[in-house]
């Protein structure tokens, strides 16, 4: 499903995706840059994206881009609906396929380190090792 104008299609997006789980992609129409995400409740996730005060507090690049360019300059694609237990696996598939520029992290489900927190070299090395191990476990 493709919503060509995320501004005009807002109500339809929220209504049609309530209580569904799956993988989605925001696409900036002019640049083609995209963001891939997944959720076990797409309706709730999209409601978050349409909450401007929440986005203003957010530090994710996609939130900043939505605010900067406006929803009408983005299309929203439902890449696939899937079981909640498959969301991260399918998100990773699409992240590998599309190479989304708005995604900071390249591993689905990885939590961003706290911004502003300074970590020691040892801690960063351990975190990298965990990410590498997680990648091996997820990737077939």
Protein backbone atom coordinates (compact mmCIF):
# COMPACT_ATOMS: atom_id res chain seq x y z
CA UNK A 1 0.00 0.00 0.00
CA UNK A 2 1.39 3.42 -0.94
CA UNK A 3 0.09 6.70 0.44
CA UNK A 4 1.43 9.30 -2.01
CA UNK A 5 0.75 12.30 0.23
CA UNK A 6 1.30 11.56 3.92
CA UNK A 7 -0.43 14.85 4.81
CA UNK A 8 -3.66 14.38 2.85
CA UNK A 9 -3.78 10.66 3.63
CA UNK A 10 -3.26 11.06 7.40
CA UNK A 11 -6.71 9.91 8.53
CA UNK A 12 -6.69 6.99 6.11
CA UNK A 13 -3.19 5.98 7.26
CA UNK A 14 -4.22 5.98 10.91
CA UNK A 15 -7.51 4.18 10.30
CA UNK A 16 -6.30 1.48 7.90
CA UNK A 17 -3.27 0.52 9.99
CA UNK A 18 -4.76 0.45 13.48
CA UNK A 19 -3.76 -2.69 15.36
CA UNK A 20 -1.79 -4.10 12.43
CA UNK A 21 1.87 -5.06 12.58
CA UNK A 22 4.29 -4.68 9.73
CA UNK A 23 7.10 -2.81 8.00
CA UNK A 24 6.82 0.70 6.55
CA UNK A 25 8.92 3.18 4.65
CA UNK A 26 8.85 6.99 4.60
CA UNK A 27 10.15 8.38 1.29
CA UNK A 28 11.08 12.02 0.70
CA UNK A 29 9.61 12.71 -2.74
CA UNK A 30 12.28 15.12 -4.00
CA UNK A 31 15.47 13.45 -2.77
CA UNK A 32 14.33 9.83 -2.68
CA UNK A 33 15.87 9.47 0.78
CA UNK A 34 13.96 7.03 2.93
CA UNK A 35 13.47 5.59 6.39
CA UNK A 36 12.48 1.98 7.07
CA UNK A 37 10.78 0.98 10.30
CA UNK A 38 8.49 -1.63 11.75
CA UNK A 39 5.96 -1.83 14.52
CA UNK A 40 3.69 -4.34 16.19
CA UNK A 41 1.05 -1.56 16.16
CA UNK A 42 1.39 0.56 13.03
CA UNK A 43 -1.57 2.76 13.91
CA UNK A 44 0.02 3.78 17.19
CA UNK A 45 3.42 4.30 15.53
CA UNK A 46 1.94 6.54 12.82
CA UNK A 47 -0.03 8.45 15.44
CA UNK A 48 3.33 9.20 17.06
CA UNK A 49 4.76 10.47 13.76
CA UNK A 50 1.81 12.84 13.38
CA UNK A 51 2.27 14.24 16.90
CA UNK A 52 4.32 17.36 16.22
CA UNK A 53 5.19 18.02 19.86
CA UNK A 54 6.61 14.50 20.17
CA UNK A 55 8.66 14.93 17.00
CA UNK A 56 10.04 18.24 18.24
CA UNK A 57 11.48 16.45 21.29
CA UNK A 58 12.76 13.58 19.16
CA UNK A 59 16.33 13.40 17.92
CA UNK A 60 15.75 10.89 15.11
CA UNK A 61 16.56 12.14 11.64
CA UNK A 62 13.22 11.07 10.15
CA UNK A 63 11.32 13.15 12.71
CA UNK A 64 13.42 16.19 11.92
CA UNK A 65 12.91 15.65 8.19
CA UNK A 66 9.13 15.34 8.56
CA UNK A 67 9.07 18.62 10.47
CA UNK A 68 11.45 20.39 8.09
CA UNK A 69 9.90 19.35 4.76
CA UNK A 70 6.31 18.68 5.84
CA UNK A 71 4.23 15.53 5.53
CA UNK A 72 3.03 16.45 2.03
CA UNK A 73 6.60 16.04 0.77
CA UNK A 74 6.70 12.42 1.93
CA UNK A 75 4.97 9.29 0.78
CA UNK A 76 4.37 6.47 3.21
CA UNK A 77 4.58 2.88 2.02
CA UNK A 78 3.41 -0.17 3.88
CA UNK A 79 6.03 -2.61 2.67
CA UNK A 80 4.31 -5.57 4.23
CA UNK A 81 2.01 -6.63 7.01
CA UNK A 82 3.41 -9.49 9.04
CA UNK A 83 3.15 -11.24 12.37
CA UNK A 84 4.50 -9.17 15.26
CA UNK A 85 7.20 -11.78 15.87
CA UNK A 86 8.53 -11.29 12.30
CA UNK A 87 8.66 -7.46 12.29
CA UNK A 88 12.37 -7.03 13.06
CA UNK A 89 13.43 -9.78 10.68
CA UNK A 90 11.39 -8.26 7.84
CA UNK A 91 12.54 -4.73 8.73
CA UNK A 92 16.15 -5.88 8.42
CA UNK A 93 15.39 -7.38 5.02
CA UNK A 94 14.06 -4.03 3.76
CA UNK A 95 16.86 -2.07 5.38
CA UNK A 96 19.36 -4.23 3.50
CA UNK A 97 17.34 -3.81 0.29
CA UNK A 98 16.74 -0.03 0.38
CA UNK A 99 19.79 1.20 2.34
CA UNK A 100 17.71 3.95 4.01
CA UNK A 101 19.56 7.24 4.51
CA UNK A 102 17.30 8.45 7.34
CA UNK A 103 18.02 5.37 9.48
CA UNK A 104 20.93 6.07 11.81
CA UNK A 105 21.29 2.47 12.92
CA UNK A 106 21.68 -0.19 10.29
CA UNK A 107 20.46 -3.10 12.41
CA UNK A 108 16.72 -3.46 12.98
CA UNK A 109 15.79 -3.24 16.63
CA UNK A 110 19.16 -1.95 17.78
CA UNK A 111 18.78 0.77 20.37
CA UNK A 112 20.62 4.01 19.71
CA UNK A 113 23.15 4.88 22.38
CA UNK A 114 22.01 7.69 24.62
CA UNK A 115 22.92 10.96 22.98
CA UNK A 116 25.39 12.95 25.02
CA UNK A 117 26.56 9.98 27.07
CA UNK A 118 30.32 9.52 26.93
CA UNK A 119 31.46 5.92 26.93
CA UNK A 120 34.92 4.51 27.51
CA UNK A 121 36.83 2.76 24.73
CA UNK A 122 36.30 -0.53 26.55
CA UNK A 123 32.52 -0.03 26.75
CA UNK A 124 32.31 0.96 23.08
CA UNK A 125 34.32 -2.13 22.10
CA UNK A 126 31.95 -4.35 24.09
CA UNK A 127 28.93 -2.69 22.46
CA UNK A 128 30.43 -3.25 19.00
CA UNK A 129 31.07 -6.90 19.81
CA UNK A 130 27.44 -7.31 20.93
CA UNK A 131 26.16 -5.71 17.71
CA UNK A 132 28.40 -7.97 15.61
CA UNK A 133 27.15 -11.03 17.49
CA UNK A 134 23.53 -9.91 17.13
CA UNK A 135 24.08 -9.50 13.39
CA UNK A 136 25.38 -13.06 13.11
CA UNK A 137 22.37 -14.37 15.01
CA UNK A 138 19.82 -12.46 12.90
CA UNK A 139 21.40 -12.99 9.49
CA UNK A 140 20.71 -16.45 7.98
